[in-house]
Amino acid sequence: MTDAHDLQGRTFFITGSSAGIGRVTAETLARRGGRVILANRSEAKTQPVLDAIRAAGGDADFVQVDLGDLRSVRRCAEAFLARNEALHVLINNAGVAGVRGVTSDGFQLTFATNHLGPFLLTNLLLPRLQAQPGSRIVNVASRAHIRVDGIPWERLHTRESFTGFPEYAVSKLCNVLFTAQLARGIAGPNVHSYALHPGVIASEVWREVPWPIRPLIMLRMKTPEQGAVASLRCATSPDVADHDGRYYDEDGGERAPARVAQDPALAKELWDRSARWVGLAE
C-alpha cells in the first residue's frame, strides 16, 4: 500500500478530469498528497470534483480548455504557465469517440481532440516539465490503434464516418506514435513518456456514439476505477521511472503496440505535420 502522502510536492496536470477515468485519477493522486490541475471544458462540471478533493483535504485547481480548439489550448497553457508553478506530470486523458464534425481549425473533431490538442498542449508545457527531473507525460491511448494500418492524411480534414470508430482508432494510433517520438530525444533527458490502453471503460468518452450502438458497446465495459490503474502506474510508479516511449495495457503491464505504431518514419511524419498544423513549425 502506498503512503497516504507519497506524492507531496508534486503537481499533476490532468485533462478530461471532470468524470470517468480522469476524475478517479485526479482524486486518487490528490489523496496521495499530489496537487492536481483539472483541465476541462466546463468549470461547472468540474466543480463537484474540486469540492470533493478539497473536502478531503486535497489540493486542486481548474483551468479551462477545449482540446478541439487550438486557440483554447494556447489560452489554457498560457494561464497555467502564468502561475509560475512547477509541473511534474502531464496526463493527456481527455478524449472523444463516435463524434462527427470538423473543428474551426479545419480538422476532424476526433483527430483534433484526441491528438492535435494534446500535441500542442504537451509542447507548450514541455519546458515546465523539463525543469523537473523525473517528470512524466502520460498519454491515454487505446488498444483500438491495432485496428488501423496507417494514417489517412487526406481524410483528417473531413467529417467522420457514421460510427466514428475508424477515426477514433487512427487518433489512438497517433497517441502511441506521439509517445514514441517524444522518447526519441525530443522531450529531453528529464522527461519520460508513456502510452497506455485503459481498458474499455464506461465513461464520458462514448457520449457522442449514436444511440443504437452506444448501449451495445457499453454492456461489458469496466469501471473508471479499473480504467485508472494503468494511468496511475505510469504517472507515479517507481517501477517504470526509467521507462520511456513504451506502451502499457490495462493492468499496467508493458505490451508491444501494433507494428505500425513502432514505425519511426510514420512517427516523425506525424510529428512534423502536427507541428505545422498547430503553428509550431512552418
Protein backbone atom coordinates (compact mmCIF):
# COMPACT_ATOMS: atom_id res chain seq x y z
CA MET A 1 0.00 0.00 0.00
CA THR A 2 1.30 3.46 -0.88
CA ASP A 3 1.95 6.11 1.74
CA ALA A 4 -1.06 8.42 2.02
CA HIS A 5 1.15 11.41 1.18
CA ASP A 6 3.84 9.87 -1.01
CA LEU A 7 3.15 12.42 -3.79
CA GLN A 8 3.50 15.52 -1.61
CA GLY A 9 5.15 18.36 -3.51
CA ARG A 10 4.31 17.01 -6.98
CA THR A 11 1.90 18.69 -9.40
CA PHE A 12 -0.22 16.72 -11.89
CA PHE A 13 -1.98 18.34 -14.85
CA ILE A 14 -4.90 16.16 -15.99
CA THR A 15 -7.17 16.74 -18.99
CA GLY A 16 -10.65 15.26 -19.08
CA SER A 17 -10.82 15.08 -15.30
CA SER A 18 -14.42 16.06 -14.60
CA ALA A 19 -15.68 12.47 -14.90
CA GLY A 20 -14.68 8.88 -15.60
CA ILE A 21 -11.06 7.76 -15.58
CA GLY A 22 -9.78 11.32 -15.30
CA ARG A 23 -11.80 12.05 -12.19
CA VAL A 24 -10.72 8.82 -10.50
CA THR A 25 -7.12 9.55 -11.42
CA ALA A 26 -7.28 13.10 -10.06
CA GLU A 27 -8.97 12.12 -6.80
CA THR A 28 -6.50 9.29 -6.21
CA LEU A 29 -3.48 11.50 -6.83
CA ALA A 30 -4.88 14.17 -4.52
CA ARG A 31 -5.47 11.62 -1.74
CA ARG A 32 -1.82 10.68 -2.03
CA GLY A 33 -0.76 14.28 -1.48
CA GLY A 34 -0.36 15.47 -5.05
CA ARG A 35 -1.55 18.85 -6.29
CA VAL A 36 -3.90 18.34 -9.23
CA ILE A 37 -4.73 20.77 -12.02
CA LEU A 38 -8.05 19.80 -13.61
CA ALA A 39 -8.08 20.89 -17.26
CA ASN A 40 -11.59 20.59 -18.66
CA ARG A 41 -14.09 22.31 -20.91
CA SER A 42 -16.64 23.12 -18.21
CA GLU A 43 -15.88 24.64 -14.82
CA ALA A 44 -19.43 23.86 -13.67
CA LYS A 45 -18.98 20.15 -14.38
CA THR A 46 -15.56 20.21 -12.74
CA GLN A 47 -16.77 21.93 -9.56
CA PRO A 48 -18.04 18.73 -7.88
CA VAL A 49 -14.61 17.16 -8.36
CA LEU A 50 -12.88 20.22 -6.93
CA ASP A 51 -15.27 20.22 -3.99
CA ALA A 52 -14.73 16.51 -3.29
CA ILE A 53 -10.95 16.80 -3.41
CA ARG A 54 -10.85 19.90 -1.22
CA ALA A 55 -13.33 18.44 1.26
CA ALA A 56 -10.95 15.51 1.71
CA GLY A 57 -8.05 17.88 2.38
CA GLY A 58 -6.59 17.73 -1.13
CA ASP A 59 -5.16 20.47 -3.33
CA ALA A 60 -6.91 21.04 -6.66
CA ASP A 61 -7.40 23.83 -9.16
CA PHE A 62 -9.16 24.32 -12.52
CA VAL A 63 -8.06 25.58 -15.92
CA GLN A 64 -10.43 25.76 -18.88
CA VAL A 65 -9.56 24.01 -22.14
CA ASP A 66 -11.35 22.72 -25.21
CA LEU A 67 -8.83 20.41 -26.85
CA GLY A 68 -10.72 20.61 -30.14
CA ASP A 69 -9.92 24.34 -30.37
CA LEU A 70 -6.25 25.21 -30.76
CA ARG A 71 -6.79 28.76 -29.55
CA SER A 72 -8.33 27.39 -26.37
CA VAL A 73 -5.34 25.09 -25.90
CA ARG A 74 -2.97 28.04 -26.15
CA ARG A 75 -5.02 30.06 -23.66
CA CYS A 76 -5.01 27.12 -21.26
CA ALA A 77 -1.23 26.70 -21.42
CA GLU A 78 -0.70 30.45 -21.02
CA ALA A 79 -2.98 30.53 -17.97
CA PHE A 80 -1.10 27.71 -16.28
CA LEU A 81 2.37 28.95 -17.18
CA ALA A 82 1.49 32.40 -15.85
CA ARG A 83 1.17 30.86 -12.38
CA ASN A 84 4.89 30.12 -12.46
CA GLU A 85 4.50 26.82 -10.60
CA ALA A 86 6.29 23.55 -11.14
CA LEU A 87 4.82 20.72 -13.22
CA HIS A 88 5.86 17.12 -12.66
CA VAL A 89 3.35 15.02 -14.61
CA LEU A 90 1.08 15.77 -17.58
CA ILE A 91 -1.72 13.24 -18.11
CA ASN A 92 -3.35 13.60 -21.52
CA ASN A 93 -6.51 11.74 -20.55
CA ALA A 94 -9.32 13.56 -22.37
CA GLY A 95 -10.78 12.03 -25.49
CA VAL A 96 -13.89 11.59 -27.59
CA ALA A 97 -15.29 8.72 -29.64
CA GLY A 98 -18.13 8.49 -32.09
CA VAL A 99 -18.29 12.21 -32.82
CA ARG A 100 -18.86 13.68 -36.27
CA GLY A 101 -17.72 17.08 -37.33
CA VAL A 102 -14.93 19.44 -38.36
CA THR A 103 -13.36 21.93 -35.97
CA SER A 104 -12.96 25.65 -36.57
CA ASP A 105 -9.31 24.87 -37.36
CA GLY A 106 -10.41 22.54 -40.17
CA PHE A 107 -9.73 19.08 -38.71
CA GLN A 108 -11.81 16.07 -37.83
CA LEU A 109 -13.17 16.65 -34.34
CA THR A 110 -11.88 13.26 -33.14
CA PHE A 111 -8.38 13.81 -34.52
CA ALA A 112 -8.23 17.36 -33.16
CA THR A 113 -9.46 16.46 -29.67
CA ASN A 114 -7.57 13.19 -29.26
CA HIS A 115 -4.28 14.14 -30.91
CA LEU A 116 -3.74 17.70 -32.17
CA GLY A 117 -4.93 19.43 -28.99
CA PRO A 118 -2.86 17.21 -26.68
CA PHE A 119 0.12 17.53 -29.05
CA LEU A 120 0.03 21.32 -28.81
CA LEU A 121 -0.64 21.34 -25.07
CA THR A 122 2.25 18.97 -24.41
CA ASN A 123 4.66 21.05 -26.43
CA LEU A 124 3.61 24.27 -24.74
CA LEU A 125 4.01 22.76 -21.27
CA LEU A 126 7.17 20.83 -22.12
CA PRO A 127 9.65 23.47 -20.87
CA ARG A 128 7.98 23.41 -17.45
CA LEU A 129 8.18 19.59 -17.38
CA GLN A 130 11.82 19.66 -18.48
CA ALA A 131 12.66 21.79 -15.46
CA GLN A 132 11.78 18.90 -13.12
CA PRO A 133 13.98 15.77 -13.04
CA GLY A 134 11.95 12.62 -13.47
CA SER A 135 8.86 14.32 -14.89
CA ARG A 136 6.42 12.30 -16.98
CA ILE A 137 3.97 12.58 -19.87
CA VAL A 138 1.18 10.00 -19.80
CA ASN A 139 -0.91 9.59 -22.95
CA VAL A 140 -4.14 7.63 -22.60
CA ALA A 141 -4.33 5.78 -25.91
CA SER A 142 -6.28 2.60 -26.68
CA ARG A 143 -5.88 -0.91 -27.98
CA ALA A 144 -8.11 0.32 -30.81
CA HIS A 145 -4.94 1.53 -32.51
CA ILE A 146 -4.29 -2.03 -33.72
CA ARG A 147 -7.35 -1.80 -35.99
CA VAL A 148 -5.73 0.55 -38.50
CA ASP A 149 -2.63 0.19 -40.63
CA GLY A 150 -1.72 3.83 -41.06
CA ILE A 151 -2.91 7.45 -41.03
CA PRO A 152 -5.20 8.57 -43.89
CA TRP A 153 -3.77 12.08 -44.14
CA GLU A 154 -6.21 13.17 -46.84
CA ARG A 155 -9.22 12.37 -44.63
CA LEU A 156 -8.19 14.25 -41.49
CA HIS A 157 -9.99 17.36 -42.73
CA THR A 158 -13.32 15.62 -43.40
CA ARG A 159 -16.24 14.60 -41.23
CA GLU A 160 -16.04 11.24 -39.51
CA SER A 161 -17.91 8.13 -40.61
CA PHE A 162 -21.31 7.27 -39.09
CA THR A 163 -19.84 5.40 -36.12
CA GLY A 164 -16.63 7.41 -35.85
CA PHE A 165 -14.76 4.27 -34.77
CA PRO A 166 -12.21 4.18 -37.64
CA GLU A 167 -11.29 7.78 -36.91
CA TYR A 168 -11.05 7.05 -33.18
CA ALA A 169 -8.64 4.18 -33.90
CA VAL A 170 -6.47 6.47 -36.04
CA SER A 171 -6.36 9.08 -33.28
CA LYS A 172 -5.28 6.43 -30.77
CA LEU A 173 -2.53 5.27 -33.15
CA CYS A 174 -1.40 8.89 -33.17
CA ASN A 175 -1.20 8.84 -29.36
CA VAL A 176 1.16 5.86 -29.41
CA LEU A 177 3.30 7.30 -32.22
CA PHE A 178 3.46 10.66 -30.42
CA THR A 179 4.65 8.97 -27.23
CA ALA A 180 7.38 7.10 -29.06
CA GLN A 181 8.58 10.22 -30.85
CA LEU A 182 8.78 12.17 -27.59
CA ALA A 183 11.11 9.47 -26.30
CA ARG A 184 13.44 9.82 -29.30
CA GLY A 185 15.20 12.75 -27.69
CA ILE A 186 12.55 15.41 -28.28
CA ALA A 187 11.28 15.59 -24.70
CA GLY A 188 14.78 15.69 -23.28
CA PRO A 189 16.51 13.55 -20.63
CA ASN A 190 14.39 14.78 -17.72
CA VAL A 191 11.04 13.75 -19.22
CA HIS A 192 9.77 10.20 -19.72
CA SER A 193 6.72 9.40 -21.85
CA TYR A 194 4.15 6.61 -21.60
CA ALA A 195 1.18 5.44 -23.70
CA LEU A 196 -1.47 3.10 -22.37
CA HIS A 197 -4.68 1.21 -23.02
CA PRO A 198 -7.01 1.77 -20.04
CA GLY A 199 -9.44 -0.99 -20.98
CA VAL A 200 -12.87 -0.46 -22.48
CA ILE A 201 -14.39 1.78 -19.86
CA ALA A 202 -17.91 3.07 -19.25
CA SER A 203 -17.12 6.77 -19.37
CA GLU A 204 -17.97 10.10 -21.00
CA VAL A 205 -15.71 9.31 -23.97
CA TRP A 206 -18.64 7.42 -25.55
CA ARG A 207 -21.20 10.18 -25.07
CA GLU A 208 -21.42 11.03 -28.79
CA VAL A 209 -21.69 7.46 -30.09
CA PRO A 210 -25.04 7.06 -31.93
CA TRP A 211 -27.80 5.73 -29.68
CA PRO A 212 -28.41 2.33 -31.34
CA ILE A 213 -24.72 1.46 -30.92
CA ARG A 214 -23.88 3.05 -27.56
CA PRO A 215 -25.88 0.69 -25.30
CA LEU A 216 -24.40 -2.35 -27.03
CA ILE A 217 -20.76 -1.34 -26.67
CA MET A 218 -21.24 -0.40 -23.00
CA LEU A 219 -22.63 -3.78 -21.91
CA ARG A 220 -19.30 -5.30 -20.89
CA MET A 221 -17.29 -2.22 -20.07
CA LYS A 222 -15.15 -1.86 -16.97
CA THR A 223 -15.46 0.82 -14.30
CA PRO A 224 -13.50 4.09 -14.28
CA GLU A 225 -11.70 2.82 -11.17
CA GLN A 226 -10.43 -0.16 -13.17
CA GLY A 227 -9.59 2.13 -16.05
CA ALA A 228 -7.40 4.39 -13.93
CA VAL A 229 -5.00 1.59 -12.91
CA ALA A 230 -2.62 1.96 -15.86
CA SER A 231 -2.69 5.77 -15.79
CA LEU A 232 -1.80 5.86 -12.11
CA ARG A 233 1.01 3.36 -12.55
CA CYS A 234 2.53 5.26 -15.47
CA ALA A 235 2.18 8.57 -13.62
CA THR A 236 3.62 7.53 -10.27
CA SER A 237 5.19 4.08 -10.03
CA PRO A 238 8.95 3.94 -9.38
CA ASP A 239 8.92 0.60 -11.23
CA VAL A 240 8.54 2.39 -14.57
CA ALA A 241 10.53 5.52 -13.73
CA ASP A 242 13.30 4.64 -16.19
CA HIS A 243 10.93 3.57 -18.98
CA ASP A 244 10.43 5.89 -21.94
CA GLY A 245 8.25 5.73 -25.02
CA ARG A 246 6.66 2.42 -24.07
CA TYR A 247 3.08 1.14 -24.24
CA TYR A 248 1.10 -0.45 -21.38
CA ASP A 249 -2.07 -2.50 -21.17
CA GLU A 250 -4.98 -2.01 -18.77
CA ASP A 251 -3.27 -3.88 -15.93
CA GLY A 252 -0.27 -1.57 -16.16
CA GLY A 253 1.95 -4.22 -17.73
CA GLU A 254 4.18 -3.35 -20.64
CA ARG A 255 2.99 -4.59 -24.05
CA ALA A 256 4.21 -4.31 -27.61
CA PRO A 257 1.99 -1.94 -29.61
CA ALA A 258 0.91 -2.69 -33.17
CA ARG A 259 3.72 -2.87 -35.70
CA VAL A 260 2.54 0.32 -37.42
CA ALA A 261 2.85 2.13 -34.07
CA GLN A 262 6.53 1.19 -33.99
CA ASP A 263 7.31 2.83 -37.34
CA PRO A 264 9.77 5.69 -36.67
CA ALA A 265 9.25 7.21 -40.12
CA LEU A 266 5.49 7.44 -39.57
CA ALA A 267 6.01 8.88 -36.08
CA LYS A 268 8.31 11.57 -37.47
CA GLU A 269 5.91 12.41 -40.28
CA LEU A 270 3.06 12.72 -37.79
CA TRP A 271 5.18 14.98 -35.59
CA ASP A 272 6.26 17.19 -38.48
CA ARG A 273 2.74 17.54 -39.90
CA SER A 274 1.25 18.16 -36.45
CA ALA A 275 3.84 20.82 -35.66
CA ARG A 276 2.93 22.67 -38.87
CA TRP A 277 -0.80 22.31 -38.29
CA VAL A 278 -0.69 23.75 -34.77
CA GLY A 279 1.69 26.56 -35.71
CA LEU A 280 4.86 25.30 -34.03
CA ALA A 281 6.72 24.96 -37.34
CA GLU A 282 6.46 26.32 -40.86
